[in-house]
Protein backbone atom coordinates (compact mmCIF):
# COMPACT_ATOMS: atom_id res chain seq x y z
CA MET A 1 -1.89 -12.37 11.09
CA ASP A 2 -0.77 -12.47 7.36
CA LEU A 3 2.93 -11.32 6.92
CA ALA A 4 3.96 -9.54 3.73
CA VAL A 5 6.22 -7.72 1.73
CA TRP A 6 5.51 -4.23 0.31
CA ASP A 7 7.51 -3.30 -2.84
CA PRO A 8 7.84 0.50 -3.46
CA PHE A 9 10.24 -0.45 -6.52
CA SER A 10 12.57 2.99 -4.75
CA GLY A 11 15.31 0.96 -3.82
CA GLY A 12 18.45 3.37 -4.19
CA ASP A 13 19.89 4.33 -7.63
CA PHE A 14 18.99 0.94 -9.02
CA HIS A 15 16.05 1.99 -9.96
CA GLU A 16 17.39 5.01 -11.58
CA THR A 17 18.82 2.97 -14.44
CA ASP A 18 18.04 3.46 -18.31
CA ASN A 19 17.02 -0.63 -18.42
CA PRO A 20 14.24 -1.12 -16.54
CA SER A 21 13.88 -4.87 -17.68
CA ALA A 22 16.85 -5.74 -15.63
CA VAL A 23 14.84 -3.70 -12.73
CA TYR A 24 11.55 -5.93 -13.40
CA ASP A 25 13.63 -9.00 -13.45
CA TRP A 26 15.29 -8.38 -10.20
CA HIS A 27 11.57 -8.02 -8.45
CA VAL A 28 10.56 -10.86 -9.95
CA LEU A 29 13.25 -12.79 -8.30
CA GLN A 30 12.79 -11.33 -4.87
CA ILE A 31 9.02 -12.32 -4.89
CA ARG A 32 10.11 -16.12 -5.54
CA GLU A 33 12.35 -15.86 -2.65
CA ALA A 34 10.12 -14.42 -0.59
CA GLU A 35 7.27 -16.91 -1.19
CA GLU A 36 10.63 -19.80 -0.36
CA LEU A 37 10.89 -18.27 2.56
CA GLY A 38 7.05 -18.33 3.79
CA TYR A 39 5.66 -15.02 3.71
CA ASP A 40 2.25 -15.51 3.09
CA GLN A 41 1.77 -12.02 0.78
CA TYR A 42 3.60 -9.47 -1.47
CA TYR A 43 2.49 -6.08 -2.68
CA LEU A 44 3.44 -3.60 -5.33
CA ILE A 45 2.50 0.36 -5.48
CA GLU A 46 1.30 1.87 -8.28
CA HIS A 47 2.15 5.64 -8.52
CA GLN A 48 1.90 7.75 -11.90
CA ASN A 49 4.71 11.00 -12.25
CA ASN A 50 6.53 10.22 -9.59
CA ARG A 51 9.77 10.11 -9.46
CA ALA A 52 10.88 8.26 -6.13
CA LEU A 53 8.15 5.52 -6.72
CA ARG A 54 8.72 4.26 -10.31
CA LEU A 55 6.47 1.48 -11.18
CA THR A 56 3.41 2.63 -13.43
CA SER A 57 1.85 -0.70 -14.66
CA ALA A 58 1.31 -3.10 -11.48
CA ALA A 59 -1.09 -5.37 -13.14
CA VAL A 60 1.64 -6.09 -15.90
CA MET A 61 4.21 -6.62 -13.37
CA LEU A 62 1.39 -8.82 -11.24
CA ALA A 63 1.22 -10.83 -14.21
CA ALA A 64 4.76 -11.90 -14.35
CA MET A 65 4.96 -12.93 -10.74
CA ALA A 66 1.75 -14.51 -10.78
CA ARG A 67 3.33 -17.10 -13.00
CA GLU A 68 6.52 -17.77 -11.24
CA THR A 69 4.90 -17.91 -7.69
CA SER A 70 2.11 -20.67 -6.54
CA VAL A 71 1.35 -19.78 -3.20
CA ILE A 72 1.59 -16.49 -2.25
CA ARG A 73 -0.83 -13.58 -2.32
CA ILE A 74 -0.23 -10.45 -4.59
CA GLY A 75 -1.46 -7.33 -5.16
CA THR A 76 -0.97 -3.84 -5.58
CA MET A 77 -1.52 -1.13 -2.47
CA ILE A 78 -2.91 0.59 -3.99
CA TRP A 79 -4.30 0.72 -7.59
CA PRO A 80 -5.11 4.56 -7.44
CA LEU A 81 -8.86 4.13 -9.44
CA PRO A 82 -8.89 7.90 -10.93
CA PHE A 83 -6.15 6.81 -12.82
CA HIS A 84 -8.09 3.60 -14.47
CA ASN A 85 -11.00 3.11 -16.61
CA PRO A 86 -12.75 1.01 -14.10
CA MET A 87 -14.35 -1.24 -16.37
CA ARG A 88 -10.68 -2.13 -17.79
CA LEU A 89 -9.19 -2.32 -14.28
CA ALA A 90 -12.28 -4.76 -13.36
CA GLN A 91 -11.53 -7.22 -16.20
CA ASP A 92 -7.61 -6.99 -15.31
CA VAL A 93 -7.97 -7.76 -12.22
CA ALA A 94 -10.23 -10.74 -12.81
CA THR A 95 -7.71 -11.96 -15.29
CA LEU A 96 -4.94 -11.52 -13.13
CA ASP A 97 -6.87 -13.36 -10.28
CA HIS A 98 -7.38 -16.24 -12.84
CA LEU A 99 -3.60 -16.07 -14.02
CA SER A 100 -2.64 -16.56 -10.50
CA HIS A 101 -5.43 -19.26 -9.43
CA GLY A 102 -6.97 -16.85 -7.22
CA ARG A 103 -4.21 -15.20 -5.14
CA VAL A 104 -5.37 -11.78 -5.54
CA GLU A 105 -5.82 -8.84 -3.00
CA PHE A 106 -7.66 -5.69 -4.43
CA GLY A 107 -6.01 -2.59 -3.01
CA THR A 108 -7.28 0.77 -3.70
CA GLY A 109 -7.23 4.19 -3.42
CA ILE A 110 -7.74 7.77 -4.64
CA GLY A 111 -3.98 9.46 -4.71
CA THR A 112 -2.46 11.69 -2.25
CA GLN A 113 -0.17 13.93 -3.81
CA GLU A 114 -2.18 16.68 -6.46
CA VAL A 115 1.15 16.89 -8.68
CA GLU A 116 0.13 13.33 -10.34
CA SER A 117 -3.46 14.19 -10.94
CA ILE A 118 -2.29 17.41 -12.47
CA ARG A 119 0.25 15.65 -14.67
CA PHE A 120 -2.55 13.04 -15.93
CA GLY A 121 -5.75 15.54 -16.51
CA ILE A 122 -7.59 14.90 -13.66
CA ASP A 123 -9.45 17.27 -11.27
CA TYR A 124 -7.71 16.37 -7.76
CA ALA A 125 -10.34 17.57 -6.33
CA GLN A 126 -12.99 14.99 -7.78
CA ARG A 127 -11.04 12.07 -7.08
CA GLN A 128 -12.53 10.97 -4.04
CA ALA A 129 -15.82 10.69 -5.85
CA MET A 130 -14.04 9.33 -9.26
CA GLY A 131 -13.09 6.23 -6.95
CA GLU A 132 -16.49 5.73 -5.06
CA GLU A 133 -17.94 5.55 -8.35
CA ALA A 134 -15.01 3.26 -9.96
CA LEU A 135 -15.79 0.96 -6.96
CA GLU A 136 -19.50 0.76 -8.07
CA ILE A 137 -18.28 -0.32 -11.54
CA ILE A 138 -15.76 -2.56 -10.58
CA LYS A 139 -18.73 -4.63 -8.47
CA LEU A 140 -20.96 -4.33 -11.08
CA ALA A 141 -17.94 -5.92 -13.83
CA TRP A 142 -17.39 -8.54 -11.71
CA SER A 143 -20.97 -9.73 -10.67
CA GLU A 144 -23.41 -8.88 -13.80
CA ASP A 145 -23.24 -10.54 -17.18
CA GLU A 146 -23.97 -7.22 -18.67
CA VAL A 147 -23.68 -3.61 -17.57
CA THR A 148 -25.28 -0.20 -18.58
CA TYR A 149 -23.89 2.74 -16.59
CA ASP A 150 -24.07 5.87 -16.87
CA GLY A 151 -22.57 8.14 -14.16
CA LYS A 152 -20.83 11.36 -13.86
CA PHE A 153 -17.79 10.07 -15.16
CA TRP A 154 -17.69 6.92 -16.89
CA HIS A 155 -20.19 5.74 -19.34
CA TYR A 156 -20.92 2.51 -20.60
CA LEU A 157 -23.75 0.82 -23.09
CA ASP A 158 -24.45 -3.27 -22.81
CA HIS A 159 -20.91 -3.62 -21.79
CA LEU A 160 -20.20 -7.25 -21.40
CA PRO A 161 -17.59 -7.48 -18.90
CA PHE A 162 -15.36 -10.30 -19.12
CA PRO A 163 -13.62 -12.49 -17.03
CA ARG A 164 -15.15 -13.29 -14.01
CA PRO A 165 -12.60 -12.85 -11.28
CA PHE A 166 -11.38 -16.80 -10.06
CA GLN A 167 -12.05 -15.90 -6.50
CA GLN A 168 -15.98 -15.61 -5.69
CA PRO A 169 -17.74 -13.12 -5.34
CA HIS A 170 -14.82 -11.53 -5.79
CA PRO A 171 -11.18 -10.94 -4.78
CA PRO A 172 -11.10 -9.47 -1.17
CA ILE A 173 -11.00 -5.96 -1.72
CA TRP A 174 -9.38 -2.61 0.69
CA ALA A 175 -9.45 0.55 0.65
CA GLY A 176 -6.29 2.76 1.81
CA CYS A 177 -7.58 4.44 4.85
CA HIS A 178 -5.87 8.32 5.78
CA SER A 179 -9.03 9.86 7.29
CA TYR A 180 -12.33 9.33 9.19
CA ARG A 181 -14.27 9.84 6.51
CA ALA A 182 -12.01 6.86 4.17
CA HIS A 183 -12.43 4.63 7.70
CA GLU A 184 -16.22 5.09 7.38
CA PHE A 185 -16.62 4.55 3.69
CA ALA A 186 -14.30 1.31 3.72
CA ALA A 187 -16.31 0.01 6.81
CA ARG A 188 -19.82 1.02 5.31
CA ASN A 189 -18.66 -0.97 2.44
CA GLY A 190 -17.59 -4.43 3.91
CA PHE A 191 -14.14 -3.33 2.65
CA GLY A 192 -10.83 -4.07 4.54
CA CYS A 193 -9.12 -0.99 5.74
CA ALA A 194 -5.62 -0.58 4.95
CA GLN A 195 -2.99 1.92 6.67
CA ASN A 196 0.24 2.84 6.48
CA ILE A 197 2.03 6.15 7.75
CA GLU A 198 0.32 7.71 11.20
CA THR A 199 1.50 7.27 14.07
CA ASN A 200 0.38 3.81 15.99
CA ALA A 201 -1.56 6.21 18.88
CA ASP A 202 -3.40 7.35 15.83
CA LEU A 203 -4.10 4.02 14.01
CA ALA A 204 -5.10 2.50 17.04
CA GLU A 205 -7.89 5.12 17.66
CA ARG A 206 -9.08 5.24 13.63
CA LEU A 207 -9.10 1.30 13.58
CA ALA A 208 -11.45 1.56 16.56
CA PHE A 209 -13.48 3.64 14.85
CA TYR A 210 -13.37 1.69 11.69
CA ARG A 211 -14.15 -1.66 13.53
CA LYS A 212 -17.56 0.76 15.42
CA ILE A 213 -19.06 1.40 12.20
CA TRP A 214 -18.69 -2.00 10.73
CA ALA A 215 -20.66 -3.36 13.60
CA GLU A 216 -23.19 -1.26 13.45
CA THR A 217 -23.60 -1.60 9.63
CA GLN A 218 -22.32 -5.07 8.76
CA PRO A 219 -24.30 -8.42 8.87
CA LEU A 220 -23.86 -10.68 12.09
CA GLY A 221 -20.70 -12.85 11.27
CA THR A 222 -18.82 -11.02 9.08
CA ARG A 223 -15.97 -9.18 10.70
CA PRO A 224 -13.40 -6.39 9.53
CA ARG A 225 -9.54 -6.77 8.01
CA THR A 226 -6.79 -4.57 8.40
CA PHE A 227 -3.53 -3.93 7.33
CA LEU A 228 -0.63 -2.31 8.26
CA MET A 229 2.70 -1.55 6.59
CA ARG A 230 5.78 -0.38 8.32
CA GLN A 231 9.37 0.75 7.47
CA VAL A 232 11.39 -2.64 8.64
CA TYR A 233 14.89 -2.79 8.81
CA VAL A 234 16.15 -6.25 10.65
CA ASP A 235 20.11 -6.88 11.03
CA GLU A 236 22.56 -9.04 13.16
CA THR A 237 22.57 -6.65 16.24
CA ASP A 238 20.63 -3.47 17.11
CA GLU A 239 23.87 -1.88 16.92
CA LYS A 240 24.09 -2.59 13.48
CA ALA A 241 20.48 -2.38 12.08
CA HIS A 242 20.22 1.21 13.29
CA GLU A 243 23.71 2.26 12.24
CA VAL A 244 22.78 0.93 8.20
CA ALA A 245 19.09 2.39 8.92
CA ARG A 246 20.46 5.61 10.03
CA ALA A 247 22.63 6.18 7.08
CA ARG A 248 19.83 5.92 5.11
CA TYR A 249 17.35 8.08 6.40
CA GLY A 250 16.47 11.51 5.08
CA ASN A 251 14.69 10.43 1.59
CA THR A 252 12.06 8.13 3.38
CA TRP A 253 9.12 10.46 2.13
CA GLY A 254 9.41 10.87 -1.43
CA MET A 255 9.33 15.05 -0.68
CA GLU A 256 11.86 15.46 -3.75
CA ASN A 257 8.54 14.54 -5.94
CA ARG A 258 6.81 17.41 -3.98
CA ALA A 259 9.23 20.42 -4.13
CA LEU A 260 9.15 19.89 -7.56
CA ALA A 261 5.60 20.42 -8.07
CA HIS A 262 5.71 23.11 -5.84
CA GLN A 263 8.22 24.52 -7.85
CA ARG A 264 6.72 24.07 -11.45
CA TYR A 265 2.83 24.60 -10.48
CA GLY A 266 2.47 26.15 -7.24
CA LEU A 267 1.38 23.65 -5.27
CA ASP A 268 1.87 23.45 -1.58
CA PRO A 269 5.02 21.92 -0.09
CA ALA A 270 3.20 19.29 1.18
CA GLY A 271 1.79 18.34 -1.69
CA TYR A 272 -1.91 18.47 -0.70
CA GLY A 273 -3.04 21.68 -2.80
CA ARG A 274 -6.51 22.43 -1.87
CA GLU A 275 -7.21 20.17 0.42
CA GLY A 276 -4.12 21.16 2.74
CA GLU A 277 -6.26 22.39 5.83
CA LEU A 278 -8.34 19.33 6.17
CA PRO A 279 -7.69 17.80 9.46
CA GLU A 280 -5.92 14.83 8.24
CA ASN A 281 -3.54 16.99 6.12
CA VAL A 282 -2.95 18.99 8.87
CA ALA A 283 -1.82 16.19 11.12
CA ARG A 284 0.19 14.53 8.36
CA ASN A 285 1.67 17.25 7.21
CA HIS A 286 2.91 17.48 11.28
CA LEU A 287 4.38 13.96 11.10
CA ARG A 288 6.36 14.72 8.39
CA GLU A 289 7.74 17.74 9.97
CA MET A 290 8.53 15.89 13.12
CA LEU A 291 10.68 12.99 10.83
CA ALA A 292 12.37 15.61 9.08
CA GLY A 293 13.59 17.68 12.38
CA PRO A 294 16.73 16.75 14.03
CA ASN A 295 15.48 14.02 16.33
CA GLY A 296 13.16 12.58 13.46
CA TYR A 297 14.97 8.94 13.22
CA GLU A 298 14.32 8.32 16.87
CA TRP A 299 11.07 10.25 16.92
CA GLY A 300 9.91 7.75 14.24
CA ILE A 301 10.84 5.14 16.43
CA GLU A 302 8.98 5.87 19.29
CA GLN A 303 5.77 6.36 17.70
CA GLY A 304 5.64 3.40 15.99
CA ILE A 305 6.39 4.68 12.59
CA PHE A 306 10.05 2.51 11.89
CA ILE A 307 10.73 -0.68 13.36
CA ILE A 308 14.13 -1.16 13.31
CA GLY A 309 16.85 -3.45 15.39
CA SER A 310 17.55 -7.36 15.64
CA PRO A 311 15.43 -10.31 14.79
CA ASP A 312 14.00 -10.22 18.96
CA THR A 313 13.63 -6.35 18.87
CA VAL A 314 11.72 -6.59 15.84
CA ILE A 315 9.59 -9.35 16.79
CA GLU A 316 8.91 -7.44 20.01
CA GLN A 317 8.13 -4.30 18.24
CA ILE A 318 5.94 -6.32 16.25
CA THR A 319 4.01 -8.07 18.65
CA ARG A 320 3.41 -4.44 21.03
CA THR A 321 2.02 -2.56 17.84
CA ASN A 322 -0.34 -5.64 16.81
CA GLU A 323 -1.43 -5.14 20.56
CA GLN A 324 -1.81 -1.63 19.88
CA MET A 325 -3.65 -1.83 16.79
CA GLY A 326 -6.21 -4.57 18.16
CA GLY A 327 -4.98 -7.14 16.12
CA LEU A 328 -4.08 -7.16 12.45
CA ASP A 329 -4.70 -9.50 10.02
CA VAL A 330 -2.10 -8.78 7.76
CA PHE A 331 1.44 -6.85 8.72
CA CYS A 332 3.37 -5.59 5.89
CA ALA A 333 6.85 -4.87 5.97
CA ASN A 334 8.97 -2.55 3.37
CA PHE A 335 12.29 -3.57 3.66
CA GLU A 336 13.69 -0.45 1.39
CA PHE A 337 14.23 1.89 4.58
CA GLY A 338 14.91 4.97 3.45
CA ARG A 339 17.08 4.87 -0.42
CA MET A 340 18.32 1.39 0.89
CA PRO A 341 20.19 -0.41 -1.71
CA VAL A 342 18.18 -3.32 -3.19
CA GLU A 343 20.98 -5.62 -2.35
CA GLN A 344 20.45 -4.45 1.49
CA ALA A 345 16.93 -4.37 1.88
CA ARG A 346 16.61 -8.10 0.15
CA LYS A 347 19.21 -8.91 3.17
CA ALA A 348 16.86 -7.68 5.58
CA LEU A 349 13.78 -9.57 3.62
CA ARG A 350 15.86 -12.75 4.00
CA LEU A 351 16.69 -12.55 8.07
CA PHE A 352 13.05 -11.23 8.49
CA GLY A 353 11.83 -14.09 6.73
CA LYS A 354 14.01 -16.63 8.95
CA GLU A 355 14.17 -15.13 12.22
CA VAL A 356 10.85 -13.17 12.62
CA LEU A 357 8.29 -14.37 10.28
CA PRO A 358 8.12 -17.80 12.35
CA ALA A 359 7.54 -16.29 15.87
CA VAL A 360 5.41 -13.34 14.73
CA SER A 361 2.94 -15.10 12.22
CA SER A 362 1.14 -16.87 15.36
CA LEU A 363 -0.47 -13.51 16.58
């Protein structure tokens, strides 16, 4: 199992500064430290029109990180495909793959907040179809010398994509999976399955479904790849870890962005718009309600959504989570719990790297 860092660009008031260059420099220093500590992978998350998650140009940020590191694998989980011209994105990622000498992981998704699409001028209801068409174009750009494509959303005439990726046939492709439809789509296309928010029990069922579809549709000798991100905080003792994490609990899910969208655009408070009645979004709303309740912190720990404690406790929780999921390929830790100050989060990253990572990397 690879151990990864999830870097959401959301740590406390630091990211609201009017000096973004200082923020970017800080994150470059953090990935260098993560590599020195032995982490295998490092992920950013790209968002548009989001007051809580402030990275809008992941490929540029990763290019800077690639030139400051040498072995750690890098990627974005996710690039929101509908917000990108897929041919340009294919070329950007291929270029990044060369700059990193073949260390890119290509995480893809379509976005889950309607307000981000509205502000970008995208029809939220079309984003699934846009994402599927974009992936088709990206794979063509990575394999063909010349691409002519007449789709519903994008059109190319004799386009000459350049460069081909460093990794052949292309960087590993991940799909962000938040519904059974997404799990099936990932399995049928041979993509890795990446997840982050649902309870452990729910995710175990989803991954079993993903593996079943994979076995039915993919060639013998290939295997599914699974990725799980969890919010993690580790400190010297259980008591200290809970004291620090509980003090930062409450702003974990970026709900302020959703609330503002509800007021301005008349969207439902959860941010799912016309898709609010879909089973996966009903379940996600219930999860958010539980987390926002009076016992939300404790419930999140019980359900495996938060992993908090001393190094020994965190080792035990990750080991149990890996067993519940039937084995993970990547466990990704987000140390910016709630509105955790960035230096506090980096302290957890260091302690995890020194005492937890060696114990769980062999799982």
